[in-house]
Amino acid sequence: PPWRFGDRLPGPNRGAERNYPTMSVAEICAFQVPPLADDCYLLLWRCAAMAEEAYQVVRAWGFTPKSEIVWRKLTKHGKPWFGMGHHVRASHEVCIVATRGRPKPVARNVRSVFDAPVRLHSQKPEEFFDAVERLCRGPYLELFARHHRRTGWTHIGE
C-alpha cells in the first residue's frame, strides 16, 4: 500500500510522498478490496517502521496472517543494498503472506527469502512475481500498481 510516513527526507525523489499519492493507515484499512475468491492469498508488503499497522490492514481486509517472505535487496552489481532507516539501515523488505478461506499452495518449494536487485522507488522485483505464480493459481490482482504491469495480472490503483 502507499504508506504515509510523514518523513521529510532531503532530495527531490526520496520518500514515498514525493513519488506517488500516499494514504493514512485508516484510509488503507477502509480501502475497498475488489471481490475475491473465497479461498485466496494476500501478499502485503510492509515497512519495518509500520509492522503493526500492516497487520491491522491485513485483518481489516478479512485475511489471517500466516507467514512472511523476505526480499534481501541487492545493488545492480549484486552487492548488499544499504538502505535508509531511523534505527538500522534497511537492506530488506518484508511481505506478509495471509489467507482468506483455505487456499492450497500449488508448489511447496517457494522459499521465504529471495535476493534481487533494487529498481525504482517501491518497485518490486520480478523474482517476487515469479514466486507468487509458483505459489498459487490465478487470477492475479496487484493493488496500488505504480511501476509494473505484468502480463496475466490485473492492476488497480497507483
N, C-alpha and C. Protein backbone atom coordinates (compact mmCIF):
# COMPACT_ATOMS: atom_id res chain seq x y z
N PRO A 1 0.82 -1.21 0.00
CA PRO A 1 0.00 0.00 0.00
C PRO A 1 0.86 1.27 0.00
N PRO A 2 0.28 2.38 -0.36
CA PRO A 2 1.03 3.64 -0.37
C PRO A 2 1.10 4.24 1.04
N TRP A 3 1.91 3.61 1.90
CA TRP A 3 2.03 4.03 3.30
C TRP A 3 2.46 5.49 3.41
N ARG A 4 1.82 6.22 4.31
CA ARG A 4 2.19 7.61 4.58
C ARG A 4 3.12 7.64 5.80
N PHE A 5 4.33 8.12 5.60
CA PHE A 5 5.31 8.14 6.67
C PHE A 5 5.37 9.49 7.37
N GLY A 6 5.20 10.57 6.62
CA GLY A 6 5.34 11.89 7.21
C GLY A 6 6.80 12.32 7.33
N ASP A 7 7.72 11.54 6.76
CA ASP A 7 9.14 11.91 6.78
C ASP A 7 9.37 13.10 5.85
N ARG A 8 10.33 13.88 6.15
CA ARG A 8 10.75 14.97 5.28
C ARG A 8 12.21 14.72 4.92
N LEU A 9 12.39 13.84 3.96
CA LEU A 9 13.74 13.45 3.57
C LEU A 9 14.32 14.44 2.57
N PRO A 10 15.63 14.66 2.60
CA PRO A 10 16.26 15.55 1.62
C PRO A 10 16.29 14.90 0.25
N GLY A 11 16.34 15.71 -0.77
CA GLY A 11 16.43 15.20 -2.13
C GLY A 11 15.08 15.21 -2.82
N PRO A 12 15.08 15.34 -4.15
CA PRO A 12 13.83 15.51 -4.89
C PRO A 12 12.98 14.24 -5.01
N ASN A 13 13.57 13.05 -4.86
CA ASN A 13 12.81 11.81 -5.07
C ASN A 13 12.81 10.88 -3.88
N ARG A 14 13.31 11.32 -2.74
CA ARG A 14 13.38 10.45 -1.57
C ARG A 14 12.07 10.51 -0.78
N GLY A 15 11.59 9.34 -0.42
CA GLY A 15 10.36 9.25 0.35
C GLY A 15 9.16 8.99 -0.54
N ALA A 16 8.20 8.25 0.01
CA ALA A 16 7.02 7.85 -0.76
C ALA A 16 6.22 9.04 -1.27
N GLU A 17 6.02 10.05 -0.43
CA GLU A 17 5.14 11.16 -0.79
C GLU A 17 5.65 11.98 -1.97
N ARG A 18 6.92 11.85 -2.29
CA ARG A 18 7.47 12.55 -3.46
C ARG A 18 7.37 11.71 -4.72
N ASN A 19 6.93 10.46 -4.58
CA ASN A 19 6.88 9.55 -5.72
C ASN A 19 5.47 9.14 -6.13
N TYR A 20 4.51 9.21 -5.20
CA TYR A 20 3.13 8.82 -5.50
C TYR A 20 2.23 9.28 -4.36
N PRO A 21 0.91 9.37 -4.61
CA PRO A 21 -0.01 9.75 -3.53
C PRO A 21 -0.01 8.68 -2.43
N THR A 22 0.01 9.10 -1.18
CA THR A 22 0.02 8.17 -0.06
C THR A 22 -1.33 8.19 0.66
N MET A 23 -1.52 7.21 1.55
CA MET A 23 -2.76 7.09 2.30
C MET A 23 -2.42 6.85 3.77
N SER A 24 -3.32 7.30 4.65
CA SER A 24 -3.16 7.01 6.07
C SER A 24 -3.50 5.53 6.30
N VAL A 25 -3.14 5.02 7.46
CA VAL A 25 -3.46 3.63 7.80
C VAL A 25 -4.98 3.44 7.79
N ALA A 26 -5.71 4.40 8.33
CA ALA A 26 -7.18 4.30 8.34
C ALA A 26 -7.74 4.23 6.92
N GLU A 27 -7.18 5.03 6.01
CA GLU A 27 -7.64 5.00 4.61
C GLU A 27 -7.31 3.67 3.96
N ILE A 28 -6.14 3.12 4.25
CA ILE A 28 -5.77 1.82 3.68
C ILE A 28 -6.69 0.73 4.23
N CYS A 29 -6.94 0.75 5.54
CA CYS A 29 -7.85 -0.23 6.14
C CYS A 29 -9.24 -0.15 5.52
N ALA A 30 -9.70 1.06 5.19
CA ALA A 30 -11.04 1.25 4.63
C ALA A 30 -11.09 1.03 3.12
N PHE A 31 -9.94 0.85 2.48
CA PHE A 31 -9.89 0.64 1.03
C PHE A 31 -10.77 -0.54 0.65
N GLN A 32 -11.58 -0.35 -0.36
CA GLN A 32 -12.49 -1.40 -0.80
C GLN A 32 -11.76 -2.37 -1.73
N VAL A 33 -11.33 -3.48 -1.16
CA VAL A 33 -10.67 -4.52 -1.95
C VAL A 33 -11.73 -5.13 -2.87
N PRO A 34 -11.43 -5.28 -4.16
CA PRO A 34 -12.41 -5.88 -5.08
C PRO A 34 -12.82 -7.28 -4.62
N PRO A 35 -13.96 -7.76 -5.05
CA PRO A 35 -14.38 -9.12 -4.69
C PRO A 35 -13.31 -10.14 -5.08
N LEU A 36 -13.04 -11.05 -4.17
CA LEU A 36 -12.00 -12.05 -4.38
C LEU A 36 -12.59 -13.44 -4.19
N ALA A 37 -11.83 -14.45 -4.56
CA ALA A 37 -12.25 -15.83 -4.36
C ALA A 37 -12.40 -16.11 -2.87
N ASP A 38 -13.23 -17.07 -2.52
CA ASP A 38 -13.41 -17.44 -1.12
C ASP A 38 -12.11 -17.93 -0.50
N ASP A 39 -11.33 -18.66 -1.27
CA ASP A 39 -10.05 -19.21 -0.82
C ASP A 39 -8.94 -18.50 -1.58
N CYS A 40 -8.22 -17.59 -0.92
CA CYS A 40 -7.20 -16.83 -1.64
C CYS A 40 -6.10 -16.35 -0.70
N TYR A 41 -5.03 -15.92 -1.33
CA TYR A 41 -3.88 -15.36 -0.61
C TYR A 41 -3.88 -13.85 -0.75
N LEU A 42 -3.32 -13.21 0.26
CA LEU A 42 -2.96 -11.79 0.21
C LEU A 42 -1.47 -11.73 0.51
N LEU A 43 -0.73 -11.06 -0.33
CA LEU A 43 0.69 -10.83 -0.09
C LEU A 43 0.86 -9.33 0.02
N LEU A 44 1.07 -8.86 1.23
CA LEU A 44 1.07 -7.43 1.51
C LEU A 44 2.46 -6.98 1.97
N TRP A 45 3.05 -6.07 1.20
CA TRP A 45 4.37 -5.53 1.56
C TRP A 45 4.21 -4.56 2.71
N ARG A 46 5.06 -4.72 3.71
CA ARG A 46 5.01 -3.83 4.86
C ARG A 46 6.35 -3.12 5.02
N CYS A 47 6.30 -2.00 5.72
CA CYS A 47 7.50 -1.25 6.04
C CYS A 47 7.91 -1.62 7.46
N ALA A 48 9.20 -1.66 7.71
CA ALA A 48 9.69 -2.04 9.04
C ALA A 48 9.11 -1.12 10.12
N ALA A 49 9.01 0.17 9.82
CA ALA A 49 8.52 1.14 10.80
C ALA A 49 7.01 1.05 11.02
N MET A 50 6.31 0.27 10.17
CA MET A 50 4.86 0.19 10.27
C MET A 50 4.38 -1.25 10.32
N ALA A 51 5.09 -2.09 11.03
CA ALA A 51 4.76 -3.52 11.09
C ALA A 51 3.37 -3.74 11.70
N GLU A 52 3.10 -3.14 12.83
CA GLU A 52 1.80 -3.32 13.48
C GLU A 52 0.66 -2.82 12.61
N GLU A 53 0.88 -1.68 11.97
CA GLU A 53 -0.15 -1.12 11.09
C GLU A 53 -0.44 -2.05 9.91
N ALA A 54 0.60 -2.69 9.39
CA ALA A 54 0.40 -3.61 8.26
C ALA A 54 -0.47 -4.80 8.68
N TYR A 55 -0.26 -5.30 9.88
CA TYR A 55 -1.10 -6.41 10.35
C TYR A 55 -2.54 -5.94 10.60
N GLN A 56 -2.72 -4.68 10.98
CA GLN A 56 -4.07 -4.12 11.10
C GLN A 56 -4.77 -4.15 9.74
N VAL A 57 -4.03 -3.75 8.69
CA VAL A 57 -4.60 -3.74 7.34
C VAL A 57 -4.98 -5.14 6.91
N VAL A 58 -4.09 -6.10 7.12
CA VAL A 58 -4.36 -7.48 6.73
C VAL A 58 -5.68 -7.95 7.35
N ARG A 59 -5.85 -7.69 8.64
CA ARG A 59 -7.07 -8.13 9.33
C ARG A 59 -8.30 -7.31 8.88
N ALA A 60 -8.12 -6.01 8.65
CA ALA A 60 -9.24 -5.17 8.20
C ALA A 60 -9.76 -5.65 6.85
N TRP A 61 -8.88 -6.18 6.03
CA TRP A 61 -9.29 -6.68 4.72
C TRP A 61 -9.83 -8.11 4.78
N GLY A 62 -9.90 -8.69 5.97
CA GLY A 62 -10.51 -10.00 6.12
C GLY A 62 -9.57 -11.17 5.94
N PHE A 63 -8.28 -10.96 6.15
CA PHE A 63 -7.29 -12.03 5.99
C PHE A 63 -6.63 -12.37 7.32
N THR A 64 -6.04 -13.55 7.37
CA THR A 64 -5.31 -14.02 8.55
C THR A 64 -3.84 -14.18 8.21
N PRO A 65 -2.94 -13.52 8.92
CA PRO A 65 -1.51 -13.67 8.65
C PRO A 65 -1.06 -15.11 8.89
N LYS A 66 -0.20 -15.61 7.97
CA LYS A 66 0.29 -16.98 8.08
C LYS A 66 1.80 -17.08 8.05
N SER A 67 2.46 -16.22 7.27
CA SER A 67 3.90 -16.33 7.11
C SER A 67 4.43 -15.00 6.55
N GLU A 68 5.69 -15.00 6.16
CA GLU A 68 6.30 -13.81 5.54
C GLU A 68 7.28 -14.25 4.46
N ILE A 69 7.49 -13.35 3.52
CA ILE A 69 8.53 -13.51 2.51
C ILE A 69 9.46 -12.31 2.66
N VAL A 70 10.76 -12.56 2.64
CA VAL A 70 11.75 -11.50 2.82
C VAL A 70 12.54 -11.33 1.52
N TRP A 71 12.60 -10.08 1.06
CA TRP A 71 13.40 -9.71 -0.11
C TRP A 71 14.68 -9.09 0.40
N ARG A 72 15.80 -9.79 0.21
CA ARG A 72 17.11 -9.21 0.53
C ARG A 72 17.52 -8.40 -0.68
N LYS A 73 17.62 -7.10 -0.49
CA LYS A 73 17.89 -6.19 -1.59
C LYS A 73 19.36 -6.19 -1.98
N LEU A 74 19.59 -6.14 -3.28
CA LEU A 74 20.94 -6.08 -3.84
C LEU A 74 21.07 -4.84 -4.71
N THR A 75 22.31 -4.38 -4.88
CA THR A 75 22.58 -3.31 -5.83
C THR A 75 22.56 -3.90 -7.24
N LYS A 76 22.64 -3.04 -8.24
CA LYS A 76 22.67 -3.55 -9.62
C LYS A 76 23.92 -4.38 -9.88
N HIS A 77 24.93 -4.28 -9.02
CA HIS A 77 26.16 -5.05 -9.15
C HIS A 77 26.15 -6.31 -8.29
N GLY A 78 25.01 -6.60 -7.63
CA GLY A 78 24.88 -7.82 -6.85
C GLY A 78 25.41 -7.73 -5.43
N LYS A 79 25.74 -6.54 -4.99
CA LYS A 79 26.22 -6.36 -3.61
C LYS A 79 25.04 -6.05 -2.69
N PRO A 80 25.18 -6.31 -1.38
CA PRO A 80 24.07 -6.00 -0.47
C PRO A 80 23.71 -4.51 -0.50
N TRP A 81 22.42 -4.24 -0.56
CA TRP A 81 21.88 -2.88 -0.57
C TRP A 81 22.07 -2.26 0.81
N PHE A 82 22.33 -0.96 0.84
CA PHE A 82 22.49 -0.22 2.09
C PHE A 82 21.44 0.86 2.09
N GLY A 83 20.27 0.55 2.63
CA GLY A 83 19.14 1.45 2.56
C GLY A 83 19.06 2.44 3.69
N MET A 84 17.89 3.04 3.82
CA MET A 84 17.64 4.06 4.85
C MET A 84 17.09 3.40 6.10
N GLY A 85 16.94 4.19 7.13
CA GLY A 85 16.34 3.72 8.37
C GLY A 85 16.67 4.65 9.51
N HIS A 86 15.75 4.79 10.44
CA HIS A 86 15.97 5.67 11.59
C HIS A 86 16.82 5.01 12.66
N HIS A 87 16.77 3.69 12.77
CA HIS A 87 17.50 2.98 13.82
C HIS A 87 18.57 2.06 13.24
N VAL A 88 18.21 1.29 12.22
CA VAL A 88 19.17 0.45 11.50
C VAL A 88 18.95 0.67 10.01
N ARG A 89 19.99 0.44 9.22
CA ARG A 89 19.91 0.64 7.77
C ARG A 89 19.25 -0.58 7.13
N ALA A 90 18.11 -0.35 6.51
CA ALA A 90 17.31 -1.44 5.93
C ALA A 90 17.98 -2.00 4.68
N SER A 91 18.14 -3.30 4.67
CA SER A 91 18.66 -3.96 3.48
C SER A 91 17.69 -5.04 3.01
N HIS A 92 16.47 -5.00 3.52
CA HIS A 92 15.47 -5.98 3.10
C HIS A 92 14.07 -5.36 3.21
N GLU A 93 13.11 -6.04 2.60
CA GLU A 93 11.69 -5.71 2.76
C GLU A 93 10.96 -6.98 3.09
N VAL A 94 9.83 -6.84 3.78
CA VAL A 94 9.05 -7.99 4.22
C VAL A 94 7.66 -7.93 3.60
N CYS A 95 7.20 -9.07 3.14
CA CYS A 95 5.86 -9.23 2.59
C CYS A 95 5.10 -10.21 3.47
N ILE A 96 3.98 -9.78 4.00
CA ILE A 96 3.14 -10.66 4.83
C ILE A 96 2.37 -11.60 3.91
N VAL A 97 2.39 -12.87 4.21
CA VAL A 97 1.59 -13.86 3.49
C VAL A 97 0.39 -14.16 4.37
N ALA A 98 -0.81 -13.87 3.86
CA ALA A 98 -2.04 -14.05 4.63
C ALA A 98 -3.05 -14.81 3.77
N THR A 99 -4.04 -15.39 4.43
CA THR A 99 -5.05 -16.16 3.70
C THR A 99 -6.45 -15.75 4.11
N ARG A 100 -7.35 -16.00 3.19
CA ARG A 100 -8.79 -15.95 3.45
C ARG A 100 -9.30 -17.32 3.01
N GLY A 101 -10.09 -17.95 3.83
CA GLY A 101 -10.55 -19.30 3.50
C GLY A 101 -9.40 -20.29 3.67
N ARG A 102 -9.35 -21.27 2.75
CA ARG A 102 -8.33 -22.31 2.84
C ARG A 102 -7.65 -22.53 1.49
N PRO A 103 -6.89 -21.54 1.02
CA PRO A 103 -6.20 -21.74 -0.27
C PRO A 103 -5.13 -22.82 -0.14
N LYS A 104 -4.91 -23.53 -1.22
CA LYS A 104 -3.89 -24.57 -1.26
C LYS A 104 -2.74 -24.12 -2.14
N PRO A 105 -1.52 -24.17 -1.63
CA PRO A 105 -0.39 -23.79 -2.48
C PRO A 105 -0.22 -24.77 -3.64
N VAL A 106 0.12 -24.23 -4.80
CA VAL A 106 0.36 -25.06 -5.98
C VAL A 106 1.70 -25.78 -5.81
N ALA A 107 2.69 -25.05 -5.36
CA ALA A 107 4.02 -25.61 -5.14
C ALA A 107 4.38 -25.42 -3.67
N ARG A 108 5.11 -26.35 -3.15
CA ARG A 108 5.53 -26.26 -1.76
C ARG A 108 7.03 -26.02 -1.64
N ASN A 109 7.62 -25.50 -2.71
CA ASN A 109 9.06 -25.23 -2.69
C ASN A 109 9.37 -23.73 -2.82
N VAL A 110 8.38 -22.88 -2.56
CA VAL A 110 8.61 -21.44 -2.61
C VAL A 110 9.28 -21.05 -1.30
N ARG A 111 10.46 -20.51 -1.40
CA ARG A 111 11.24 -20.16 -0.20
C ARG A 111 10.77 -18.84 0.39
N SER A 112 11.08 -18.65 1.67
CA SER A 112 10.64 -17.45 2.37
C SER A 112 11.60 -16.27 2.19
N VAL A 113 12.75 -16.50 1.57
CA VAL A 113 13.74 -15.44 1.35
C VAL A 113 14.23 -15.51 -0.08
N PHE A 114 14.37 -14.35 -0.72
CA PHE A 114 14.99 -14.31 -2.05
C PHE A 114 15.84 -13.06 -2.16
N ASP A 115 16.81 -13.10 -3.04
CA ASP A 115 17.69 -11.96 -3.31
C ASP A 115 17.34 -11.40 -4.68
N ALA A 116 17.30 -10.07 -4.78
CA ALA A 116 17.03 -9.43 -6.07
C ALA A 116 17.46 -7.97 -6.00
N PRO A 117 17.86 -7.42 -7.15
CA PRO A 117 18.27 -6.01 -7.19
C PRO A 117 17.11 -5.06 -6.95
N VAL A 118 17.46 -3.90 -6.40
CA VAL A 118 16.51 -2.81 -6.21
C VAL A 118 16.28 -2.13 -7.56
N ARG A 119 15.05 -1.67 -7.78
CA ARG A 119 14.73 -0.94 -9.01
C ARG A 119 14.19 0.44 -8.62
N LEU A 120 13.14 0.90 -9.26
CA LEU A 120 12.56 2.21 -8.93
C LEU A 120 11.99 2.21 -7.53
N HIS A 121 11.77 3.40 -6.96
CA HIS A 121 11.19 3.51 -5.62
C HIS A 121 9.91 2.68 -5.54
N SER A 122 9.87 1.75 -4.59
CA SER A 122 8.70 0.92 -4.31
C SER A 122 8.45 -0.19 -5.34
N GLN A 123 9.22 -0.26 -6.39
CA GLN A 123 9.00 -1.29 -7.41
C GLN A 123 9.51 -2.64 -6.92
N LYS A 124 8.66 -3.63 -6.97
CA LYS A 124 9.02 -4.97 -6.51
C LYS A 124 9.66 -5.75 -7.65
N PRO A 125 10.54 -6.68 -7.31
CA PRO A 125 11.30 -7.40 -8.35
C PRO A 125 10.49 -8.51 -9.02
N GLU A 126 10.90 -8.84 -10.23
CA GLU A 126 10.26 -9.92 -10.98
C GLU A 126 10.33 -11.24 -10.21
N GLU A 127 11.39 -11.44 -9.45
CA GLU A 127 11.55 -12.68 -8.69
C GLU A 127 10.39 -12.88 -7.71
N PHE A 128 9.84 -11.79 -7.20
CA PHE A 128 8.69 -11.89 -6.30
C PHE A 128 7.46 -12.37 -7.07
N PHE A 129 7.19 -11.77 -8.22
CA PHE A 129 6.02 -12.17 -9.00
C PHE A 129 6.14 -13.61 -9.48
N ASP A 130 7.37 -14.03 -9.81
CA ASP A 130 7.60 -15.43 -10.19
C ASP A 130 7.23 -16.35 -9.03
N ALA A 131 7.62 -15.98 -7.82
CA ALA A 131 7.33 -16.80 -6.64
C ALA A 131 5.82 -16.88 -6.39
N VAL A 132 5.11 -15.75 -6.54
CA VAL A 132 3.66 -15.74 -6.35
C VAL A 132 3.01 -16.69 -7.35
N GLU A 133 3.44 -16.65 -8.59
CA GLU A 133 2.85 -17.51 -9.61
C GLU A 133 3.16 -18.99 -9.38
N ARG A 134 4.28 -19.28 -8.72
CA ARG A 134 4.58 -20.67 -8.35
C ARG A 134 3.74 -21.10 -7.15
N LEU A 135 3.48 -20.16 -6.23
CA LEU A 135 2.75 -20.46 -5.00
C LEU A 135 1.28 -20.74 -5.25
N CYS A 136 0.64 -19.93 -6.09
CA CYS A 136 -0.82 -20.06 -6.23
C CYS A 136 -1.27 -19.84 -7.67
N ARG A 137 -2.45 -20.40 -7.95
CA ARG A 137 -3.07 -20.23 -9.26
C ARG A 137 -3.71 -18.84 -9.32
N GLY A 138 -3.85 -18.31 -10.52
CA GLY A 138 -4.53 -17.04 -10.69
C GLY A 138 -6.02 -17.20 -10.53
N PRO A 139 -6.78 -16.17 -10.76
CA PRO A 139 -6.31 -14.90 -11.31
C PRO A 139 -5.49 -14.11 -10.29
N TYR A 140 -4.64 -13.22 -10.82
CA TYR A 140 -3.74 -12.42 -10.00
C TYR A 140 -4.15 -10.95 -10.07
N LEU A 141 -4.14 -10.31 -8.92
CA LEU A 141 -4.51 -8.90 -8.81
C LEU A 141 -3.42 -8.17 -8.06
N GLU A 142 -2.93 -7.08 -8.63
CA GLU A 142 -1.97 -6.23 -7.92
C GLU A 142 -2.66 -4.91 -7.62
N LEU A 143 -2.78 -4.60 -6.32
CA LEU A 143 -3.32 -3.31 -5.89
C LEU A 143 -2.20 -2.30 -5.80
N PHE A 144 -2.49 -1.06 -6.04
CA PHE A 144 -1.52 0.03 -5.93
C PHE A 144 -0.32 -0.22 -6.85
N ALA A 145 -0.59 -0.64 -8.06
CA ALA A 145 0.45 -0.95 -9.04
C ALA A 145 0.97 0.35 -9.64
N ARG A 146 2.16 0.75 -9.23
CA ARG A 146 2.70 2.03 -9.66
C ARG A 146 3.64 1.92 -10.85
N HIS A 147 4.48 0.92 -10.88
CA HIS A 147 5.53 0.86 -11.89
C HIS A 147 5.42 -0.34 -12.82
N HIS A 148 4.68 -1.30 -12.44
CA HIS A 148 4.80 -2.62 -13.02
C HIS A 148 3.50 -3.05 -13.66
N ARG A 149 3.55 -3.64 -14.79
CA ARG A 149 2.39 -4.22 -15.44
C ARG A 149 2.80 -5.60 -15.94
N ARG A 150 2.49 -6.63 -15.19
CA ARG A 150 2.88 -7.99 -15.55
C ARG A 150 1.77 -8.64 -16.35
N THR A 151 2.12 -9.27 -17.43
CA THR A 151 1.17 -9.96 -18.28
C THR A 151 0.44 -11.03 -17.47
N GLY A 152 -0.88 -11.09 -17.63
CA GLY A 152 -1.68 -12.08 -16.93
C GLY A 152 -2.19 -11.62 -15.57
N TRP A 153 -1.84 -10.40 -15.18
CA TRP A 153 -2.28 -9.84 -13.91
C TRP A 153 -3.22 -8.67 -14.17
N THR A 154 -4.15 -8.43 -13.24
CA THR A 154 -4.97 -7.23 -13.24
C THR A 154 -4.31 -6.24 -12.30
N HIS A 155 -4.25 -4.98 -12.70
CA HIS A 155 -3.58 -3.96 -11.89
C HIS A 155 -4.59 -2.85 -11.58
N ILE A 156 -4.66 -2.50 -10.30
CA ILE A 156 -5.59 -1.46 -9.85
C ILE A 156 -4.84 -0.46 -8.99
N GLY A 157 -5.15 0.80 -9.18
CA GLY A 157 -4.61 1.84 -8.32
C GLY A 157 -3.19 2.26 -8.67
N GLU A 158 -2.67 3.13 -7.83
CA GLU A 158 -1.32 3.62 -8.05
C GLU A 158 -0.49 3.61 -6.82
